[in-house]
Amino acid sequence: MAWFDDLRGGLRAVSDGLAEFYAGPYRAALRRAARDEDDLFMMLVMGEALGVPNPASHHTLELLPVMYDRFHDWHRRMGMERSPVEGLSCC
């Protein structure tokens, strides 16, 4: 059954090569789209603290502790040198 394992390994290598060939050029675009979605989600969750009225604030309130960990990276990526939230000094 060694030939079967060799065949399986060869097919896996071809499959991995084809996946890289087709998905490789779009990897950066997909990563950028995921980052943009994360930025929008951060804005929705942190909106109340930033002064933007949020009609769903009672739903997003429980997500604040999770978002505080990523808040510094987010406001730096948005071009803000310091934290825009008065009570939150992450820098």
C-alpha atoms as a PDB file:
ATOM      1  CA  MET A   1       0.000   0.000   0.000  1.00  0.00           C
ATOM      2  CA  ALA A   2       3.040   2.272  -0.190  1.00  0.00           C
ATOM      3  CA  TRP A   3       2.111   3.257  -3.743  1.00  0.00           C
ATOM      4  CA  PHE A   4      -1.283   4.399  -2.465  1.00  0.00           C
ATOM      5  CA  ASP A   5       0.361   6.674   0.114  1.00  0.00           C
ATOM      6  CA  ASP A   6       2.668   8.065  -2.586  1.00  0.00           C
ATOM      7  CA  LEU A   7      -0.318   8.713  -4.852  1.00  0.00           C
ATOM      8  CA  ARG A   8      -2.214  10.396  -2.020  1.00  0.00           C
ATOM      9  CA  GLY A   9       0.806  12.602  -1.219  1.00  0.00           C
ATOM     10  CA  GLY A  10       1.201  13.546  -4.882  1.00  0.00           C
ATOM     11  CA  LEU A  11      -2.462  14.454  -5.235  1.00  0.00           C
ATOM     12  CA  ARG A  12      -2.299  16.509  -2.044  1.00  0.00           C
ATOM     13  CA  ALA A  13       0.724  18.390  -3.414  1.00  0.00           C
ATOM     14  CA  VAL A  14      -1.103  19.109  -6.683  1.00  0.00           C
ATOM     15  CA  SER A  15      -4.179  20.232  -4.751  1.00  0.00           C
ATOM     16  CA  ASP A  16      -2.116  22.544  -2.523  1.00  0.00           C
ATOM     17  CA  GLY A  17      -0.359  23.972  -5.580  1.00  0.00           C
ATOM     18  CA  LEU A  18      -3.644  24.684  -7.358  1.00  0.00           C
ATOM     19  CA  ALA A  19      -5.128  26.276  -4.237  1.00  0.00           C
ATOM     20  CA  GLU A  20      -2.093  28.553  -3.967  1.00  0.00           C
ATOM     21  CA  PHE A  21      -2.274  29.372  -7.675  1.00  0.00           C
ATOM     22  CA  TYR A  22      -5.922  30.412  -7.545  1.00  0.00           C
ATOM     23  CA  ALA A  23      -6.154  31.953  -4.056  1.00  0.00           C
ATOM     24  CA  GLY A  24      -2.685  33.504  -3.850  1.00  0.00           C
ATOM     25  CA  PRO A  25      -3.368  36.692  -5.839  1.00  0.00           C
ATOM     26  CA  TYR A  26      -6.482  37.452  -3.789  1.00  0.00           C
ATOM     27  CA  ARG A  27      -5.043  36.808  -0.334  1.00  0.00           C
ATOM     28  CA  ALA A  28      -4.079  40.447   0.270  1.00  0.00           C
ATOM     29  CA  ALA A  29      -7.450  41.700  -0.954  1.00  0.00           C
ATOM     30  CA  LEU A  30      -9.293  39.246   1.273  1.00  0.00           C
ATOM     31  CA  ARG A  31      -7.158  40.214   4.265  1.00  0.00           C
ATOM     32  CA  ARG A  32      -7.835  43.906   3.576  1.00  0.00           C
ATOM     33  CA  ALA A  33     -11.594  43.263   3.308  1.00  0.00           C
ATOM     34  CA  ALA A  34     -11.570  41.369   6.608  1.00  0.00           C
ATOM     35  CA  ARG A  35      -9.676  44.229   8.268  1.00  0.00           C
ATOM     36  CA  ASP A  36     -12.202  46.751   6.915  1.00  0.00           C
ATOM     37  CA  GLU A  37     -15.062  44.659   8.305  1.00  0.00           C
ATOM     38  CA  ASP A  38     -13.317  44.513  11.680  1.00  0.00           C
ATOM     39  CA  ASP A  39     -12.862  48.295  11.614  1.00  0.00           C
ATOM     40  CA  LEU A  40     -16.552  48.818  10.899  1.00  0.00           C
ATOM     41  CA  PHE A  41     -17.506  46.419  13.675  1.00  0.00           C
ATOM     42  CA  MET A  42     -15.189  48.258  16.076  1.00  0.00           C
ATOM     43  CA  MET A  43     -16.819  51.551  15.107  1.00  0.00           C
ATOM     44  CA  LEU A  44     -20.272  50.115  15.754  1.00  0.00           C
ATOM     45  CA  VAL A  45     -19.306  48.711  19.145  1.00  0.00           C
ATOM     46  CA  MET A  46     -17.312  51.749  20.273  1.00  0.00           C
ATOM     47  CA  GLY A  47     -19.713  54.250  18.715  1.00  0.00           C
ATOM     48  CA  GLU A  48     -21.387  55.204  21.970  1.00  0.00           C
ATOM     49  CA  ALA A  49     -18.037  55.963  23.601  1.00  0.00           C
ATOM     50  CA  LEU A  50     -17.001  58.011  20.560  1.00  0.00           C
ATOM     51  CA  GLY A  51     -20.170  60.106  20.704  1.00  0.00           C
ATOM     52  CA  VAL A  52     -22.046  58.461  17.847  1.00  0.00           C
ATOM     53  CA  PRO A  53     -25.612  57.557  18.816  1.00  0.00           C
ATOM     54  CA  ASN A  54     -26.047  53.810  18.659  1.00  0.00           C
ATOM     55  CA  PRO A  55     -29.591  52.408  18.722  1.00  0.00           C
ATOM     56  CA  ALA A  56     -28.241  48.927  19.478  1.00  0.00           C
ATOM     57  CA  SER A  57     -25.998  49.965  22.369  1.00  0.00           C
ATOM     58  CA  HIS A  58     -27.627  47.506  24.760  1.00  0.00           C
ATOM     59  CA  HIS A  59     -26.514  44.682  22.452  1.00  0.00           C
ATOM     60  CA  THR A  60     -22.988  45.959  21.913  1.00  0.00           C
ATOM     61  CA  LEU A  61     -22.353  46.834  25.559  1.00  0.00           C
ATOM     62  CA  GLU A  62     -21.328  43.283  26.429  1.00  0.00           C
ATOM     63  CA  LEU A  63     -18.741  43.307  23.609  1.00  0.00           C
ATOM     64  CA  LEU A  64     -16.824  46.296  24.992  1.00  0.00           C
ATOM     65  CA  PRO A  65     -14.349  44.286  27.111  1.00  0.00           C
ATOM     66  CA  VAL A  66     -13.379  42.257  24.046  1.00  0.00           C
ATOM     67  CA  MET A  67     -12.976  45.364  21.911  1.00  0.00           C
ATOM     68  CA  TYR A  68     -10.834  47.248  24.445  1.00  0.00           C
ATOM     69  CA  ASP A  69      -7.977  44.843  23.777  1.00  0.00           C
ATOM     70  CA  ARG A  70      -7.967  45.760  20.089  1.00  0.00           C
ATOM     71  CA  PHE A  71      -8.834  49.450  20.515  1.00  0.00           C
ATOM     72  CA  HIS A  72      -5.256  50.762  20.391  1.00  0.00           C
ATOM     73  CA  ASP A  73      -4.494  49.092  17.064  1.00  0.00           C
ATOM     74  CA  TRP A  74      -7.786  50.345  15.653  1.00  0.00           C
ATOM     75  CA  HIS A  75      -7.383  54.024  16.526  1.00  0.00           C
ATOM     76  CA  ARG A  76      -3.790  54.010  15.275  1.00  0.00           C
ATOM     77  CA  ARG A  77      -4.938  52.480  11.977  1.00  0.00           C
ATOM     78  CA  MET A  78      -7.653  55.144  11.707  1.00  0.00           C
ATOM     79  CA  GLY A  79      -4.973  57.840  11.944  1.00  0.00           C
ATOM     80  CA  MET A  80      -5.622  59.004  15.508  1.00  0.00           C
ATOM     81  CA  GLU A  81      -2.429  59.516  17.502  1.00  0.00           C
ATOM     82  CA  ARG A  82      -4.199  59.400  20.875  1.00  0.00           C
ATOM     83  CA  SER A  83      -7.269  57.582  22.070  1.00  0.00           C
ATOM     84  CA  PRO A  84     -10.415  59.502  21.066  1.00  0.00           C
ATOM     85  CA  VAL A  85     -12.235  58.254  24.177  1.00  0.00           C
ATOM     86  CA  GLU A  86     -11.594  60.431  27.223  1.00  0.00           C
ATOM     87  CA  GLY A  87     -11.829  57.685  29.839  1.00  0.00           C
ATOM     88  CA  LEU A  88      -9.749  55.177  27.865  1.00  0.00           C
ATOM     89  CA  SER A  89      -6.037  55.910  27.687  1.00  0.00           C
ATOM     90  CA  CYS A  90      -4.394  53.036  25.900  1.00  0.00           C
ATOM     91  CA  CYS A  91      -1.356  54.934  24.655  1.00  0.00           C
END
